[in-house]
Protein backbone atom coordinates (compact mmCIF):
# COMPACT_ATOMS: atom_id res chain seq x y z
CA VAL A 1 -4.01 -20.00 -12.80
CA GLN A 2 -4.23 -19.24 -9.09
CA LEU A 3 -6.56 -16.53 -7.48
CA VAL A 4 -6.22 -15.99 -4.01
CA GLU A 5 -8.99 -14.20 -1.75
CA SER A 6 -8.54 -12.20 1.21
CA GLY A 7 -9.34 -9.22 3.66
CA GLY A 8 -12.88 -10.98 5.00
CA GLY A 9 -13.87 -10.82 8.96
CA LEU A 10 -16.43 -10.16 11.29
CA VAL A 11 -18.03 -6.57 11.07
CA GLN A 12 -21.26 -4.63 12.36
CA THR A 13 -23.79 -3.48 10.20
CA GLY A 14 -23.15 -0.45 8.56
CA GLY A 15 -19.34 -1.31 8.49
CA SER A 16 -17.14 -1.83 5.62
CA LEU A 17 -14.36 -4.29 4.52
CA THR A 18 -12.81 -4.34 1.68
CA LEU A 19 -11.44 -7.70 -0.33
CA SER A 20 -8.67 -8.44 -2.11
CA CYS A 21 -8.31 -11.16 -5.18
CA ALA A 22 -4.38 -11.38 -6.11
CA ALA A 23 -4.45 -13.28 -9.59
CA SER A 24 -1.41 -15.48 -10.82
CA GLY A 25 -0.48 -17.22 -13.84
CA PHE A 26 -2.44 -14.67 -15.93
CA THR A 27 -3.10 -11.54 -16.45
CA PRO A 28 -6.32 -10.11 -15.03
CA ASN A 29 -6.46 -6.58 -16.82
CA ASN A 30 -6.68 -8.74 -20.18
CA TYR A 31 -9.85 -10.90 -18.41
CA ASN A 32 -13.46 -10.44 -16.78
CA ILE A 33 -12.80 -10.57 -13.49
CA GLY A 34 -15.87 -11.04 -11.26
CA TRP A 35 -16.61 -11.29 -7.63
CA PHE A 36 -19.60 -13.68 -6.16
CA ARG A 37 -20.82 -14.73 -3.10
CA GLN A 38 -22.43 -17.63 -1.34
CA ALA A 39 -24.63 -17.56 2.04
CA PRO A 40 -25.26 -20.87 4.06
CA GLY A 41 -28.53 -22.74 2.50
CA LYS A 42 -28.65 -20.34 -1.07
CA GLU A 43 -26.92 -20.76 -4.19
CA ARG A 44 -24.07 -18.34 -5.47
CA GLU A 45 -24.73 -15.16 -6.87
CA GLY A 46 -22.88 -12.93 -8.76
CA VAL A 47 -22.28 -9.82 -7.00
CA SER A 48 -20.06 -7.48 -9.16
CA CYS A 49 -17.52 -7.87 -12.59
CA ILE A 50 -14.87 -5.63 -14.00
CA ASN A 51 -14.01 -6.12 -17.93
CA SER A 52 -10.85 -6.13 -19.50
CA GLY A 53 -11.64 -2.48 -20.35
CA GLY A 54 -12.80 -1.38 -17.05
CA ILE A 55 -16.40 -1.27 -17.30
CA THR A 56 -18.15 -2.45 -13.78
CA ASN A 57 -21.52 -3.97 -13.25
CA TYR A 58 -22.76 -4.62 -9.91
CA ALA A 59 -25.78 -6.33 -8.75
CA ASP A 60 -28.98 -4.42 -7.45
CA SER A 61 -28.63 -5.75 -4.49
CA VAL A 62 -25.15 -3.98 -3.57
CA LYS A 63 -25.42 -1.28 -6.11
CA GLY A 64 -24.05 2.15 -4.65
CA ARG A 65 -22.53 0.14 -1.43
CA PHE A 66 -19.86 -2.16 -2.72
CA THR A 67 -17.24 -0.40 -5.44
CA ILE A 68 -14.99 -3.17 -7.65
CA SER A 69 -11.23 -2.18 -8.98
CA ARG A 70 -8.44 -3.25 -9.81
CA ASP A 71 -4.76 -2.45 -10.02
CA ASN A 72 -2.84 -3.83 -12.29
CA ALA A 73 0.51 -3.80 -11.35
CA ARG A 74 -0.34 -5.56 -8.31
CA LYS A 75 -2.27 -8.41 -10.18
CA THR A 76 -5.30 -7.36 -7.68
CA VAL A 77 -8.94 -7.10 -8.07
CA TYR A 78 -10.12 -5.29 -5.17
CA LEU A 79 -14.18 -5.29 -3.55
CA GLN A 80 -14.98 -2.29 -1.42
CA MET A 81 -17.87 -3.27 0.66
CA ASN A 82 -19.68 -0.34 2.44
CA SER A 83 -22.87 0.31 4.80
CA LEU A 84 -22.97 -4.05 5.09
CA LYS A 85 -25.89 -5.33 6.22
CA PRO A 86 -26.25 -9.06 7.73
CA GLU A 87 -27.73 -10.24 4.55
CA ASP A 88 -24.41 -9.37 2.94
CA THR A 89 -22.85 -12.80 5.19
CA ALA A 90 -21.43 -14.85 2.67
CA VAL A 91 -18.39 -16.74 1.55
CA TYR A 92 -17.31 -14.08 -1.08
CA TYR A 93 -15.02 -15.56 -4.23
CA CYS A 94 -13.25 -14.05 -7.18
CA THR A 95 -13.10 -15.74 -10.49
CA ILE A 96 -12.35 -15.22 -14.16
CA ILE A 97 -15.82 -15.11 -15.88
CA GLY A 98 -15.98 -17.61 -18.58
CA TYR A 99 -13.35 -19.73 -17.19
CA ASN A 100 -13.51 -22.56 -14.21
CA TYR A 101 -11.21 -20.93 -11.99
CA TRP A 102 -12.36 -19.98 -8.47
CA GLY A 103 -10.69 -18.90 -5.31
CA GLN A 104 -11.29 -20.41 -2.15
CA GLY A 105 -13.35 -17.64 -1.01
CA THR A 106 -12.92 -15.32 1.87
CA GLN A 107 -15.85 -15.44 4.71
CA VAL A 108 -17.56 -12.23 5.58
CA THR A 109 -20.20 -11.72 8.51
CA VAL A 110 -22.03 -8.90 8.99
CA SER A 111 -23.52 -8.63 12.96
CA SER A 112 -26.70 -7.36 13.58
């Protein structure tokens, strides 16, 4: 099982980024996949998740700005992030909810 995140970078406040989580060794549409983030000095927090039925959930802090989606053919889960704020700066990870599989993370930095 492997999860590989990509798409992070440096963006100005109000900008957008799309993160990708490429899965291998399992079929992501059969599992609940989540995006988490960890800012310096803070605990890792949940951002969004998509379950096997395609139902999505978002943290209040990102609701209306972030969109999670899944491409079953590409075995990839995406996190579209719009209207980014400095407080969104963190390392973003994807994971299989309920299993201890995590990607290496991708850094998102939002400058003010």
